[in-house]
């Protein structure tokens, strides 16, 4: 169902069904590219008092977490996962953290390895299907805050990793998450990589990501030189080439296509067993519309699929005035999570 909820998506774990609000893009901002760029350039950046904490990993590396101020009374915890080459300090994550707070939830931002402003210590980086670090962080939070309901929300790459994790744990006893939300997920990584290789805008998006990936590779040249051909990696011009020469060998895949096949979240959707909201625009320039697994979402009764005609990639800007944009997806995800985690301040 465009610009609203998929009517086949069923409610799980709540006495009253959750309903999305209708997304209406402003008349002056309807294209997928326009929404994507507006989401990056014009989305509000709340001034939040975040506290950074470093968490050691079992393999001798580290993960940095950004905590919202701890509330006086216990609240459900929601972990927020950013997208490719993002961080927990990007505007969309800050917007999400503020929206969670407005709904009576306590947000924690996860910075994937190498994304907190400091290179990580080991040869590996992070990738779309890496769920070990997510599981490690969730286990820490569950141990430190026993009895608290926990949820998670992921954007783009972070959303893909979150859905894969949910599919992996399925209905396992003791699974830590009670609800989840994923926004602008690249459900089929190979299809997304192909799309970013086409057209002027695809090449511009790719150039943006490659510049940052090359910079990180250069910073870790000495660590990486025995694991990959660093000079060849620095010559790559597409995400697929980078994944072939860096992501795959550094993380145990046979190549880029093996990485995409084993990490794409579309293959894990059937196994998700906790209430999960999927927000995705069919004009997302990072994934062709035919690769959005709407049928699989409709088959799983714990999933709520909201597939809109407009919204771009992590855009979903609303509002009637160009100088006063109003984010939509972050607020919807916060409402959904509050509804299922037992705390809500608005209908």
Protein backbone atom coordinates (compact mmCIF):
# COMPACT_ATOMS: atom_id res chain seq x y z
CA UNK A 1 0.00 0.00 0.00
CA UNK A 2 1.61 3.27 -1.06
CA UNK A 3 2.02 6.15 1.39
CA UNK A 4 0.57 4.07 4.19
CA UNK A 5 0.62 0.63 5.80
CA UNK A 6 0.53 -2.69 4.02
CA UNK A 7 -2.94 -4.00 4.96
CA UNK A 8 -1.58 -7.55 5.26
CA UNK A 9 0.87 -6.54 7.98
CA UNK A 10 -0.45 -7.91 11.25
CA UNK A 11 -0.09 -6.66 14.78
CA UNK A 12 1.85 -8.68 17.34
CA UNK A 13 2.12 -8.23 21.07
CA UNK A 14 -0.21 -5.25 21.55
CA UNK A 15 -3.89 -5.05 22.36
CA UNK A 16 -4.58 -2.19 19.98
CA UNK A 17 -3.12 -2.16 16.46
CA UNK A 18 -0.47 0.40 15.61
CA UNK A 19 -1.26 2.51 12.57
CA UNK A 20 1.14 4.67 10.56
CA UNK A 21 0.39 8.27 9.78
CA UNK A 22 0.04 9.12 6.11
CA UNK A 23 3.24 10.35 4.50
CA UNK A 24 2.73 13.28 2.15
CA UNK A 25 5.86 14.70 0.55
CA UNK A 26 5.76 18.45 -0.03
CA UNK A 27 4.93 19.48 -3.56
CA UNK A 28 8.38 20.94 -4.04
CA UNK A 29 10.25 17.79 -2.94
CA UNK A 30 8.81 14.64 -4.51
CA UNK A 31 11.66 13.06 -6.45
CA UNK A 32 13.76 10.29 -4.96
CA UNK A 33 17.05 12.11 -5.50
CA UNK A 34 15.62 15.37 -4.13
CA UNK A 35 14.38 13.63 -1.00
CA UNK A 36 17.68 11.80 -0.52
CA UNK A 37 19.73 14.99 -0.80
CA UNK A 38 17.28 16.98 1.33
CA UNK A 39 17.46 14.31 4.01
CA UNK A 40 21.20 14.80 4.22
CA UNK A 41 21.37 18.56 3.80
CA UNK A 42 18.24 19.91 5.47
CA UNK A 43 17.22 17.43 8.13
CA UNK A 44 17.32 19.10 11.56
CA UNK A 45 20.34 18.32 13.73
CA UNK A 46 19.18 18.37 17.37
CA UNK A 47 21.69 19.59 19.92
CA UNK A 48 21.89 16.53 22.16
CA UNK A 49 24.08 15.97 25.20
CA UNK A 50 25.52 12.58 24.27
CA UNK A 51 27.90 10.61 26.46
CA UNK A 52 30.43 8.44 24.64
CA UNK A 53 31.48 5.10 26.05
CA UNK A 54 34.01 2.67 24.60
CA UNK A 55 33.19 -1.04 24.63
CA UNK A 56 35.97 -3.56 24.11
CA UNK A 57 35.31 -6.46 21.75
CA UNK A 58 36.41 -10.08 22.23
CA UNK A 59 38.90 -9.81 19.33
CA UNK A 60 40.85 -6.91 20.84
CA UNK A 61 39.05 -4.11 19.03
CA UNK A 62 36.52 -1.54 20.26
CA UNK A 63 33.07 -0.14 19.57
CA UNK A 64 32.03 3.38 20.60
CA UNK A 65 28.50 3.99 21.89
CA UNK A 66 26.77 7.35 22.31
CA UNK A 67 24.25 7.43 25.16
CA UNK A 68 21.47 9.94 25.59
CA UNK A 69 21.31 11.40 29.13
CA UNK A 70 20.06 8.68 31.45
CA UNK A 71 16.49 9.38 32.57
CA UNK A 72 15.63 9.58 36.26
CA UNK A 73 13.24 6.64 36.02
CA UNK A 74 13.97 3.45 34.03
CA UNK A 75 12.83 3.51 30.40
CA UNK A 76 12.95 0.99 27.58
CA UNK A 77 16.24 1.12 25.68
CA UNK A 78 16.50 1.51 21.91
CA UNK A 79 19.77 0.97 20.06
CA UNK A 80 20.17 3.04 16.87
CA UNK A 81 22.30 1.76 13.97
CA UNK A 82 23.56 4.19 11.30
CA UNK A 83 24.12 3.63 7.60
CA UNK A 84 27.16 3.23 5.34
CA UNK A 85 29.96 5.58 6.39
CA UNK A 86 27.68 7.29 8.87
CA UNK A 87 27.97 7.58 12.64
CA UNK A 88 25.83 8.06 15.71
CA UNK A 89 26.37 11.82 15.37
CA UNK A 90 24.78 12.17 11.92
CA UNK A 91 21.65 14.29 11.65
CA UNK A 92 19.28 11.39 10.97
CA UNK A 93 20.55 9.47 14.02
CA UNK A 94 20.29 12.56 16.22
CA UNK A 95 16.77 13.13 14.90
CA UNK A 96 15.97 9.52 15.76
CA UNK A 97 17.40 9.82 19.27
CA UNK A 98 15.33 12.96 19.88
CA UNK A 99 12.18 11.25 18.58
CA UNK A 100 12.77 8.30 20.89
CA UNK A 101 13.14 10.61 23.87
CA UNK A 102 9.87 12.34 22.96
CA UNK A 103 8.16 8.93 23.10
CA UNK A 104 9.53 8.07 26.54
CA UNK A 105 12.36 5.84 25.30
CA UNK A 106 16.07 5.96 26.05
CA UNK A 107 18.23 5.96 22.93
CA UNK A 108 21.78 4.67 22.48
CA UNK A 109 23.69 5.24 19.25
CA UNK A 110 25.99 2.48 17.98
CA UNK A 111 29.04 3.53 15.95
CA UNK A 112 30.20 0.67 13.74
CA UNK A 113 33.92 -0.09 13.83
CA UNK A 114 35.96 2.76 12.33
CA UNK A 115 32.92 5.09 12.24
CA UNK A 116 33.32 7.01 15.51
CA UNK A 117 36.12 9.26 14.27
CA UNK A 118 39.02 6.95 15.18
CA UNK A 119 40.36 4.01 13.13
CA UNK A 120 39.72 0.63 14.69
CA UNK A 121 42.63 -1.57 15.72
CA UNK A 122 42.18 -4.70 13.62
CA UNK A 123 42.21 -5.46 9.90
CA UNK A 124 38.45 -5.83 9.70
CA UNK A 125 35.99 -2.96 9.27
CA UNK A 126 32.21 -3.38 9.33
CA UNK A 127 29.74 -4.45 6.66
CA UNK A 128 26.06 -4.86 5.81
CA UNK A 129 25.79 -8.38 7.19
CA UNK A 130 27.98 -8.11 10.30
CA UNK A 131 25.86 -9.02 13.33
CA UNK A 132 28.45 -10.15 15.87
CA UNK A 133 29.11 -6.63 17.15
CA UNK A 134 25.38 -5.92 17.36
CA UNK A 135 24.85 -9.08 19.42
CA UNK A 136 27.79 -8.11 21.67
CA UNK A 137 26.37 -4.64 22.35
CA UNK A 138 22.86 -5.95 23.01
CA UNK A 139 24.21 -8.55 25.44
CA UNK A 140 26.10 -5.82 27.31
CA UNK A 141 23.02 -3.61 27.55
CA UNK A 142 20.85 -6.51 28.73
CA UNK A 143 23.37 -7.39 31.42
CA UNK A 144 23.85 -3.81 32.59
CA UNK A 145 20.14 -2.95 32.58
CA UNK A 146 18.37 -6.21 33.46
CA UNK A 147 14.63 -6.32 32.99
CA UNK A 148 14.46 -3.31 30.69
CA UNK A 149 12.54 -3.79 27.43
CA UNK A 150 14.88 -3.29 24.49
CA UNK A 151 14.36 -2.36 20.87
CA UNK A 152 16.49 -1.30 17.93
CA UNK A 153 16.19 0.81 14.81
CA UNK A 154 18.51 0.72 11.82
CA UNK A 155 19.03 2.97 8.82
CA UNK A 156 20.14 1.66 5.42
CA UNK A 157 23.19 -0.60 6.01
CA UNK A 158 22.37 -0.61 9.73
CA UNK A 159 18.81 -1.64 8.92
CA UNK A 160 20.06 -4.52 6.78
CA UNK A 161 22.32 -5.75 9.57
CA UNK A 162 19.47 -5.43 12.07
CA UNK A 163 17.02 -7.46 9.95
CA UNK A 164 19.67 -10.12 9.34
CA UNK A 165 20.31 -10.34 13.08
CA UNK A 166 16.59 -10.65 13.82
CA UNK A 167 16.31 -13.44 11.28
CA UNK A 168 19.32 -15.23 12.73
CA UNK A 169 18.01 -15.25 16.30
CA UNK A 170 14.42 -15.91 15.21
CA UNK A 171 12.33 -16.89 18.21
CA UNK A 172 15.27 -17.99 20.35
CA UNK A 173 14.55 -18.01 24.05
CA UNK A 174 16.19 -15.04 25.72
CA UNK A 175 16.55 -13.00 22.52
CA UNK A 176 17.03 -9.44 23.79
CA UNK A 177 14.89 -7.36 21.41
CA UNK A 178 11.17 -6.87 21.89
CA UNK A 179 10.59 -4.72 18.79
CA UNK A 180 12.53 -3.20 15.92
CA UNK A 181 12.29 -0.77 13.02
CA UNK A 182 14.30 -0.51 9.80
CA UNK A 183 14.37 2.45 7.41
CA UNK A 184 15.51 2.48 3.75
CA UNK A 185 17.04 -0.99 3.85
CA UNK A 186 19.04 -2.29 0.83
CA UNK A 187 17.31 -5.67 1.02
CA UNK A 188 19.21 -7.01 -2.01
CA UNK A 189 22.82 -5.82 -1.81
CA UNK A 190 23.76 -6.94 -5.30
CA UNK A 191 20.80 -5.13 -6.87
CA UNK A 192 21.65 -2.03 -4.87
CA UNK A 193 25.30 -2.12 -5.97
CA UNK A 194 24.22 -2.42 -9.61
CA UNK A 195 21.84 0.52 -9.26
CA UNK A 196 24.57 2.75 -7.83
CA UNK A 197 26.70 2.05 -10.90
CA UNK A 198 24.10 3.57 -13.24
CA UNK A 199 23.51 7.18 -14.23
CA UNK A 200 25.03 10.44 -13.13
CA UNK A 201 23.41 10.46 -9.68
CA UNK A 202 24.42 6.88 -9.00
CA UNK A 203 28.02 7.78 -9.80
CA UNK A 204 27.81 10.86 -7.56
CA UNK A 205 26.53 8.81 -4.61
CA UNK A 206 29.25 6.26 -5.26
CA UNK A 207 31.95 8.94 -5.38
CA UNK A 208 30.76 10.26 -2.01
CA UNK A 209 31.03 6.84 -0.37
CA UNK A 210 34.27 5.85 -2.09
CA UNK A 211 36.04 8.99 -0.94
CA UNK A 212 35.36 8.09 2.70
CA UNK A 213 36.15 4.39 2.27
CA UNK A 214 39.45 5.21 0.58
CA UNK A 215 40.35 7.62 3.36
CA UNK A 216 39.78 4.94 6.00
CA UNK A 217 41.78 2.45 3.99
CA UNK A 218 44.69 4.89 3.75
CA UNK A 219 44.63 5.52 7.50
CA UNK A 220 44.96 1.77 8.10
CA UNK A 221 47.50 1.07 5.36
CA UNK A 222 50.08 -0.47 7.70
CA UNK A 223 47.52 -2.72 9.39
CA UNK A 224 45.96 -3.82 6.10
CA UNK A 225 49.02 -4.30 3.88
CA UNK A 226 49.41 -8.02 4.69
CA UNK A 227 45.68 -8.71 4.32
CA UNK A 228 44.75 -6.94 1.05
CA UNK A 229 46.37 -5.13 -1.87
CA UNK A 230 45.95 -1.64 -0.44
CA UNK A 231 47.00 0.16 -3.63
CA UNK A 232 44.45 -1.81 -5.66
CA UNK A 233 41.74 -1.06 -3.10
CA UNK A 234 42.54 2.65 -3.31
CA UNK A 235 42.09 2.53 -7.10
CA UNK A 236 38.55 1.13 -6.90
CA UNK A 237 35.79 3.32 -8.26
CA UNK A 238 32.64 1.37 -7.35
CA UNK A 239 31.28 -0.19 -4.19
CA UNK A 240 31.26 -3.59 -5.88
CA UNK A 241 34.97 -3.32 -6.68
CA UNK A 242 35.73 -2.20 -3.11
CA UNK A 243 33.70 -5.10 -1.74
CA UNK A 244 35.53 -7.53 -4.05
CA UNK A 245 39.02 -6.37 -3.04
CA UNK A 246 38.48 -5.27 0.58
CA UNK A 247 35.18 -6.18 2.24
CA UNK A 248 35.14 -9.79 1.05
CA UNK A 249 38.72 -10.85 1.90
CA UNK A 250 38.75 -8.95 5.19
CA UNK A 251 35.55 -10.62 6.41
CA UNK A 252 35.80 -14.16 5.11
CA UNK A 253 33.77 -14.01 1.88
CA UNK A 254 34.80 -15.56 -1.43
CA UNK A 255 34.08 -12.32 -3.27
CA UNK A 256 31.61 -9.47 -3.59
CA UNK A 257 28.76 -11.66 -4.88
CA UNK A 258 29.28 -14.16 -2.06
CA UNK A 259 29.19 -11.28 0.42
CA UNK A 260 26.00 -9.89 -1.11
CA UNK A 261 24.26 -13.28 -1.24
CA UNK A 262 25.06 -14.18 2.36
CA UNK A 263 24.40 -10.73 3.84
CA UNK A 264 21.26 -9.46 2.05
CA UNK A 265 18.46 -9.15 4.60
CA UNK A 266 15.78 -10.28 2.12
CA UNK A 267 16.84 -13.86 2.83
CA UNK A 268 16.20 -13.50 6.56
CA UNK A 269 12.80 -11.79 6.62
CA UNK A 270 10.81 -15.02 6.88
CA UNK A 271 12.58 -15.91 10.14
CA UNK A 272 11.97 -12.67 12.07
CA UNK A 273 9.81 -13.29 15.14
CA UNK A 274 9.53 -9.90 16.88
CA UNK A 275 7.30 -6.97 15.83
CA UNK A 276 9.27 -5.05 13.22
CA UNK A 277 8.42 -1.96 11.20
CA UNK A 278 9.84 -1.60 7.68
CA UNK A 279 9.73 1.90 6.17
CA UNK A 280 10.81 2.07 2.55
CA UNK A 281 10.19 4.33 -0.42
CA UNK A 282 9.73 2.81 -3.86
CA UNK A 283 11.68 5.73 -5.38
CA UNK A 284 14.75 4.98 -3.23
CA UNK A 285 17.70 5.60 -5.59
CA UNK A 286 19.82 3.02 -3.75
CA UNK A 287 17.58 0.03 -4.55
CA UNK A 288 15.31 -0.77 -7.51
CA UNK A 289 11.65 -1.11 -6.58
CA UNK A 290 11.47 -4.69 -7.86
CA UNK A 291 14.07 -5.73 -5.25
CA UNK A 292 11.86 -4.67 -2.32
CA UNK A 293 10.55 -7.96 -0.83
CA UNK A 294 6.95 -6.84 -0.31
CA UNK A 295 5.51 -10.34 -0.70
CA UNK A 296 7.86 -11.79 1.92
CA UNK A 297 7.00 -8.96 4.30
CA UNK A 298 3.31 -9.61 3.76
CA UNK A 299 3.72 -13.31 4.59
CA UNK A 300 5.26 -12.66 8.00
CA UNK A 301 2.59 -11.62 10.54
CA UNK A 302 5.02 -9.83 12.87
CA UNK A 303 6.16 -7.42 10.16
CA UNK A 304 4.51 -4.09 9.41
CA UNK A 305 5.49 -2.90 5.95
CA UNK A 306 5.01 0.75 5.05
CA UNK A 307 5.98 1.21 1.39
CA UNK A 308 5.59 4.76 0.10
CA UNK A 309 5.70 6.12 -3.45
CA UNK A 310 8.03 8.95 -2.44
CA UNK A 311 10.68 9.52 0.20
CA UNK A 312 14.06 8.73 -1.34
CA UNK A 313 16.80 7.12 0.72
CA UNK A 314 16.65 8.07 4.42
CA UNK A 315 14.77 11.16 3.32
CA UNK A 316 11.04 11.18 4.02
CA UNK A 317 10.98 14.94 4.45
CA UNK A 318 7.54 16.40 5.06
CA UNK A 319 6.25 19.86 5.85
CA UNK A 320 4.85 22.60 3.69
CA UNK A 321 7.69 25.11 3.81
CA UNK A 322 11.14 24.63 2.23
CA UNK A 323 12.91 26.23 5.20
CA UNK A 324 11.01 24.18 7.79
CA UNK A 325 11.42 20.51 6.85
CA UNK A 326 9.69 17.95 9.05
CA UNK A 327 11.18 14.44 9.30
CA UNK A 328 8.57 11.68 9.07
CA UNK A 329 10.27 8.27 9.25
CA UNK A 330 12.06 8.85 12.55
CA UNK A 331 8.83 9.84 14.27
CA UNK A 332 6.98 6.81 12.89
CA UNK A 333 9.73 4.44 14.05
CA UNK A 334 9.74 5.98 17.52
CA UNK A 335 5.95 5.66 17.81
CA UNK A 336 6.06 2.02 16.70
CA UNK A 337 8.79 1.12 19.17
CA UNK A 338 7.06 2.91 22.04
CA UNK A 339 3.83 1.11 21.20
CA UNK A 340 5.47 -2.32 21.43
CA UNK A 341 7.93 -1.69 24.24
CA UNK A 342 5.24 -0.50 26.62
CA UNK A 343 5.91 3.22 26.80
CA UNK A 344 4.18 5.84 24.71
CA UNK A 345 3.37 9.52 25.13
CA UNK A 346 1.23 9.99 22.04
CA UNK A 347 -1.35 7.91 20.13
